[in-house]
C-alpha atoms as a PDB file:
ATOM      1  CA  MET A   1     -47.828  -7.792  35.919  1.00  0.00           C
ATOM      2  CA  LYS A   2     -47.442  -8.768  39.588  1.00  0.00           C
ATOM      3  CA  ALA A   3     -50.067  -7.683  42.103  1.00  0.00           C
ATOM      4  CA  VAL A   4     -47.623  -7.929  45.000  1.00  0.00           C
ATOM      5  CA  ASP A   5     -44.130  -6.539  45.283  1.00  0.00           C
ATOM      6  CA  HIS A   6     -41.376  -7.051  47.826  1.00  0.00           C
ATOM      7  CA  ILE A   7     -39.921  -4.153  49.804  1.00  0.00           C
ATOM      8  CA  PRO A   8     -36.176  -4.773  50.215  1.00  0.00           C
ATOM      9  CA  GLY A   9     -35.149  -5.211  53.844  1.00  0.00           C
ATOM     10  CA  GLY A  10     -38.759  -5.156  54.986  1.00  0.00           C
ATOM     11  CA  GLY A  11     -39.543  -8.814  54.699  1.00  0.00           C
ATOM     12  CA  THR A  12     -43.158  -7.823  53.983  1.00  0.00           C
ATOM     13  CA  LYS A  13     -45.114  -8.081  50.780  1.00  0.00           C
ATOM     14  CA  VAL A  14     -47.252  -5.058  50.002  1.00  0.00           C
ATOM     15  CA  SER A  15     -49.806  -4.609  47.251  1.00  0.00           C
ATOM     16  CA  LEU A  16     -48.703  -2.066  44.660  1.00  0.00           C
ATOM     17  CA  ARG A  17     -52.207  -0.655  44.850  1.00  0.00           C
ATOM     18  CA  VAL A  18     -51.759   0.099  48.575  1.00  0.00           C
ATOM     19  CA  VAL A  19     -48.431   1.795  47.859  1.00  0.00           C
ATOM     20  CA  ARG A  20     -50.015   3.930  45.129  1.00  0.00           C
ATOM     21  CA  ILE A  21     -52.919   4.913  47.387  1.00  0.00           C
ATOM     22  CA  ALA A  22     -50.488   5.806  50.191  1.00  0.00           C
ATOM     23  CA  ALA A  23     -48.431   7.895  47.765  1.00  0.00           C
ATOM     24  CA  CYS A  24     -51.587   9.750  46.663  1.00  0.00           C
ATOM     25  CA  VAL A  25     -52.611  10.414  50.274  1.00  0.00           C
ATOM     26  CA  ILE A  26     -49.133  11.692  51.172  1.00  0.00           C
ATOM     27  CA  SER A  27     -49.084  13.919  48.077  1.00  0.00           C
ATOM     28  CA  ALA A  28     -52.489  15.361  48.982  1.00  0.00           C
ATOM     29  CA  CYS A  29     -51.295  16.080  52.542  1.00  0.00           C
ATOM     30  CA  VAL A  30     -48.198  17.852  51.240  1.00  0.00           C
ATOM     31  CA  LEU A  31     -50.346  19.961  48.894  1.00  0.00           C
ATOM     32  CA  CYS A  32     -52.743  20.870  51.719  1.00  0.00           C
ATOM     33  CA  LEU A  33     -49.837  21.797  53.977  1.00  0.00           C
ATOM     34  CA  GLY A  34     -48.397  23.990  51.215  1.00  0.00           C
ATOM     35  CA  GLN A  35     -51.742  25.754  50.817  1.00  0.00           C
ATOM     36  CA  ALA A  36     -52.014  26.291  54.578  1.00  0.00           C
ATOM     37  CA  VAL A  37     -48.568  27.917  54.619  1.00  0.00           C
ATOM     38  CA  ALA A  38     -49.427  30.028  51.569  1.00  0.00           C
ATOM     39  CA  GLN A  39     -52.646  31.171  53.270  1.00  0.00           C
ATOM     40  CA  SER A  40     -50.680  32.699  56.113  1.00  0.00           C
ATOM     41  CA  THR A  41     -50.396  35.705  53.802  1.00  0.00           C
ATOM     42  CA  PRO A  42     -53.617  37.153  52.427  1.00  0.00           C
ATOM     43  CA  GLN A  43     -54.695  36.606  48.844  1.00  0.00           C
ATOM     44  CA  VAL A  44     -54.055  39.599  46.613  1.00  0.00           C
ATOM     45  CA  HIS A  45     -55.466  40.029  43.121  1.00  0.00           C
ATOM     46  CA  LEU A  46     -53.877  42.785  41.031  1.00  0.00           C
ATOM     47  CA  ASP A  47     -55.848  44.269  38.119  1.00  0.00           C
ATOM     48  CA  ALA A  48     -53.494  46.239  35.888  1.00  0.00           C
ATOM     49  CA  ASP A  49     -55.429  45.925  32.625  1.00  0.00           C
ATOM     50  CA  LYS A  50     -55.958  49.618  31.863  1.00  0.00           C
ATOM     51  CA  LEU A  51     -52.771  50.892  33.417  1.00  0.00           C
ATOM     52  CA  GLY A  52     -51.030  53.999  32.162  1.00  0.00           C
ATOM     53  CA  PRO A  53     -48.866  55.603  31.069  1.00  0.00           C
ATOM     54  CA  ARG A  54     -47.238  52.211  30.471  1.00  0.00           C
ATOM     55  CA  PRO A  55     -48.267  48.565  30.926  1.00  0.00           C
ATOM     56  CA  ILE A  56     -46.883  46.388  33.694  1.00  0.00           C
ATOM     57  CA  GLU A  57     -44.929  43.205  33.024  1.00  0.00           C
ATOM     58  CA  GLU A  58     -46.458  39.987  34.387  1.00  0.00           C
ATOM     59  CA  LEU A  59     -43.437  39.210  36.591  1.00  0.00           C
ATOM     60  CA  THR A  60     -43.561  42.713  38.099  1.00  0.00           C
ATOM     61  CA  GLY A  61     -47.272  42.345  38.823  1.00  0.00           C
ATOM     62  CA  THR A  62     -46.699  39.017  40.535  1.00  0.00           C
ATOM     63  CA  ALA A  63     -43.887  40.494  42.654  1.00  0.00           C
ATOM     64  CA  ILE A  64     -46.024  43.476  43.684  1.00  0.00           C
ATOM     65  CA  ALA A  65     -48.960  41.272  44.693  1.00  0.00           C
ATOM     66  CA  ARG A  66     -46.654  38.991  46.703  1.00  0.00           C
ATOM     67  CA  SER A  67     -44.935  41.929  48.455  1.00  0.00           C
ATOM     68  CA  TYR A  68     -48.267  43.626  49.159  1.00  0.00           C
ATOM     69  CA  ALA A  69     -49.611  40.436  50.743  1.00  0.00           C
ATOM     70  CA  GLN A  70     -46.444  40.087  52.819  1.00  0.00           C
ATOM     71  CA  ALA A  71     -46.734  43.710  53.995  1.00  0.00           C
ATOM     72  CA  TRP A  72     -50.293  43.131  55.232  1.00  0.00           C
ATOM     73  CA  HIS A  73     -49.241  39.885  56.897  1.00  0.00           C
ATOM     74  CA  ASP A  74     -46.316  41.603  58.629  1.00  0.00           C
ATOM     75  CA  MET A  75     -48.477  44.524  59.771  1.00  0.00           C
ATOM     76  CA  ALA A  76     -51.156  42.204  61.184  1.00  0.00           C
ATOM     77  CA  ALA A  77     -48.513  40.137  62.995  1.00  0.00           C
ATOM     78  CA  ALA A  78     -46.851  43.261  64.449  1.00  0.00           C
ATOM     79  CA  LEU A  79     -50.160  44.685  65.686  1.00  0.00           C
ATOM     80  CA  ASP A  80     -51.252  41.351  67.110  1.00  0.00           C
ATOM     81  CA  SER A  81     -47.982  40.750  68.972  1.00  0.00           C
ATOM     82  CA  ASP A  82     -47.128  44.379  69.856  1.00  0.00           C
ATOM     83  CA  ARG A  83     -43.719  43.861  68.238  1.00  0.00           C
ATOM     84  CA  SER A  84     -42.406  46.438  65.752  1.00  0.00           C
ATOM     85  CA  GLU A  85     -39.727  43.963  64.653  1.00  0.00           C
ATOM     86  CA  GLU A  86     -42.446  42.014  62.798  1.00  0.00           C
ATOM     87  CA  LEU A  87     -42.928  44.887  60.331  1.00  0.00           C
ATOM     88  CA  GLY A  88     -40.052  43.828  58.097  1.00  0.00           C
ATOM     89  CA  ASP A  89     -38.557  46.321  55.664  1.00  0.00           C
ATOM     90  CA  VAL A  90     -41.595  47.127  53.508  1.00  0.00           C
ATOM     91  CA  PHE A  91     -42.856  50.086  55.535  1.00  0.00           C
ATOM     92  CA  VAL A  92     -40.913  53.355  55.376  1.00  0.00           C
ATOM     93  CA  GLY A  93     -41.295  57.011  56.300  1.00  0.00           C
ATOM     94  CA  GLY A  94     -44.583  58.186  57.767  1.00  0.00           C
ATOM     95  CA  ALA A  95     -46.253  54.774  57.468  1.00  0.00           C
ATOM     96  CA  LEU A  96     -43.483  53.135  59.511  1.00  0.00           C
ATOM     97  CA  GLU A  97     -43.599  55.929  62.110  1.00  0.00           C
ATOM     98  CA  GLN A  98     -47.395  55.621  62.478  1.00  0.00           C
ATOM     99  CA  LEU A  99     -47.244  51.838  62.868  1.00  0.00           C
ATOM    100  CA  ASN A 100     -44.402  52.029  65.401  1.00  0.00           C
ATOM    101  CA  GLN A 101     -46.368  54.625  67.402  1.00  0.00           C
ATOM    102  CA  ARG A 102     -49.541  52.526  67.286  1.00  0.00           C
ATOM    103  CA  ILE A 103     -47.646  49.478  68.537  1.00  0.00           C
ATOM    104  CA  ALA A 104     -46.056  51.525  71.340  1.00  0.00           C
ATOM    105  CA  ASP A 105     -49.522  52.843  72.295  1.00  0.00           C
ATOM    106  CA  GLN A 106     -50.927  49.305  72.305  1.00  0.00           C
ATOM    107  CA  ARG A 107     -48.138  48.134  74.618  1.00  0.00           C
ATOM    108  CA  GLN A 108     -48.777  51.036  76.980  1.00  0.00           C
ATOM    109  CA  THR A 109     -52.585  50.692  77.119  1.00  0.00           C
ATOM    110  CA  GLY A 110     -52.979  46.927  76.810  1.00  0.00           C
ATOM    111  CA  VAL A 111     -55.521  47.457  74.007  1.00  0.00           C
ATOM    112  CA  ARG A 112     -54.481  45.767  70.783  1.00  0.00           C
ATOM    113  CA  VAL A 113     -55.819  45.198  67.290  1.00  0.00           C
ATOM    114  CA  HIS A 114     -56.128  41.823  65.596  1.00  0.00           C
ATOM    115  CA  ILE A 115     -56.685  41.794  61.816  1.00  0.00           C
ATOM    116  CA  VAL A 116     -58.260  38.809  60.084  1.00  0.00           C
ATOM    117  CA  ASP A 117     -57.419  39.414  56.438  1.00  0.00           C
ATOM    118  CA  HIS A 118     -59.659  37.769  53.839  1.00  0.00           C
ATOM    119  CA  GLY A 119     -57.887  39.256  50.834  1.00  0.00           C
ATOM    120  CA  HIS A 120     -57.319  42.283  48.657  1.00  0.00           C
ATOM    121  CA  SER A 121     -58.466  43.368  45.236  1.00  0.00           C
ATOM    122  CA  LEU A 122     -55.903  45.842  43.929  1.00  0.00           C
ATOM    123  CA  LYS A 123     -56.470  48.092  40.955  1.00  0.00           C
ATOM    124  CA  ALA A 124     -53.354  49.689  39.511  1.00  0.00           C
ATOM    125  CA  VAL A 125     -54.227  53.184  38.287  1.00  0.00           C
ATOM    126  CA  PHE A 126     -50.779  54.645  37.559  1.00  0.00           C
ATOM    127  CA  TYR A 127     -47.365  53.202  36.753  1.00  0.00           C
ATOM    128  CA  SER A 128     -44.492  55.623  36.227  1.00  0.00           C
ATOM    129  CA  THR A 129     -42.619  55.528  32.932  1.00  0.00           C
ATOM    130  CA  ASP A 130     -39.370  54.666  34.730  1.00  0.00           C
ATOM    131  CA  GLY A 131     -41.066  51.819  36.630  1.00  0.00           C
ATOM    132  CA  THR A 132     -40.220  53.078  40.122  1.00  0.00           C
ATOM    133  CA  ALA A 133     -43.693  54.020  41.372  1.00  0.00           C
ATOM    134  CA  MET A 134     -47.228  52.714  41.099  1.00  0.00           C
ATOM    135  CA  GLN A 135     -50.491  53.996  42.515  1.00  0.00           C
ATOM    136  CA  LEU A 136     -52.857  51.279  43.721  1.00  0.00           C
ATOM    137  CA  LEU A 137     -56.429  51.274  44.956  1.00  0.00           C
ATOM    138  CA  ASP A 138     -57.181  48.450  47.385  1.00  0.00           C
ATOM    139  CA  GLN A 139     -60.535  46.978  48.298  1.00  0.00           C
ATOM    140  CA  ALA A 140     -59.687  44.809  51.286  1.00  0.00           C
ATOM    141  CA  GLN A 141     -62.014  42.371  53.002  1.00  0.00           C
ATOM    142  CA  LEU A 142     -61.052  42.576  56.664  1.00  0.00           C
ATOM    143  CA  GLU A 143     -62.230  41.704  60.138  1.00  0.00           C
ATOM    144  CA  ILE A 144     -60.755  44.107  62.666  1.00  0.00           C
ATOM    145  CA  GLN A 145     -61.016  43.018  66.284  1.00  0.00           C
ATOM    146  CA  THR A 146     -60.014  45.163  69.247  1.00  0.00           C
ATOM    147  CA  PHE A 147     -58.992  43.460  72.480  1.00  0.00           C
ATOM    148  CA  ASP A 148     -58.395  44.814  75.966  1.00  0.00           C
ATOM    149  CA  GLY A 149     -56.043  42.163  77.225  1.00  0.00           C
ATOM    150  CA  SER A 150     -57.799  38.971  76.188  1.00  0.00           C
ATOM    151  CA  LYS A 151     -61.318  40.478  76.182  1.00  0.00           C
ATOM    152  CA  LEU A 152     -62.865  41.330  72.799  1.00  0.00           C
ATOM    153  CA  ILE A 153     -64.254  44.874  73.093  1.00  0.00           C
ATOM    154  CA  ASP A 154     -65.033  45.624  69.443  1.00  0.00           C
ATOM    155  CA  GLY A 155     -65.191  43.833  66.145  1.00  0.00           C
ATOM    156  CA  ARG A 156     -66.123  44.870  62.659  1.00  0.00           C
ATOM    157  CA  ALA A 157     -66.012  43.146  59.324  1.00  0.00           C
ATOM    158  CA  GLY A 158     -66.438  44.354  55.792  1.00  0.00           C
ATOM    159  CA  PHE A 159     -64.745  45.965  52.865  1.00  0.00           C
ATOM    160  CA  ASP A 160     -62.210  48.692  53.422  1.00  0.00           C
ATOM    161  CA  ARG A 161     -61.034  50.906  50.564  1.00  0.00           C
ATOM    162  CA  ARG A 162     -57.527  52.284  50.682  1.00  0.00           C
ATOM    163  CA  GLY A 163     -55.072  53.967  48.397  1.00  0.00           C
ATOM    164  CA  ALA A 164     -51.409  53.066  48.303  1.00  0.00           C
ATOM    165  CA  VAL A 165     -48.308  54.220  46.512  1.00  0.00           C
ATOM    166  CA  TRP A 166     -45.846  51.448  45.791  1.00  0.00           C
ATOM    167  CA  ILE A 167     -42.267  52.577  45.291  1.00  0.00           C
ATOM    168  CA  SER A 168     -39.528  50.227  44.150  1.00  0.00           C
ATOM    169  CA  GLY A 169     -36.002  50.421  42.898  1.00  0.00           C
ATOM    170  CA  LEU A 170     -35.138  53.636  44.725  1.00  0.00           C
ATOM    171  CA  ASP A 171     -31.899  53.865  46.677  1.00  0.00           C
END
């Protein structure tokens, strides 16, 4: 086995060991970058072990956790930027109206909310027999900061318990 290899067109001899180390470093950087992108949405753990009246399929659970994380990400981005367009299409009805009003109020007053989301522990307590609705209990670990312009006027951190109804597949 040769300890040195030739790179075509390069005119330089490079140790295979150096190439392997470089490949490992590049792979590690790509993995870290992928994790940084994935962390732009909060972590969500869904516990659906004792769910009734029917169990949830693994793929459905994964999709719900991913959509729930995206909804929190979108809400935090919309509140932070005062832009309702950031809400996406997850919020509907009264929830969408309340968020749009809050964003309009923030724009008018100059006081805005910034959410630092450290993750959610969801417990599924009900899943309809037709699979279109699920009731979730969320224990979220959040930091909520209130700014007047660029000045921090309030900040709190801790666990926040919320209930949510997740509806899918309805036209």
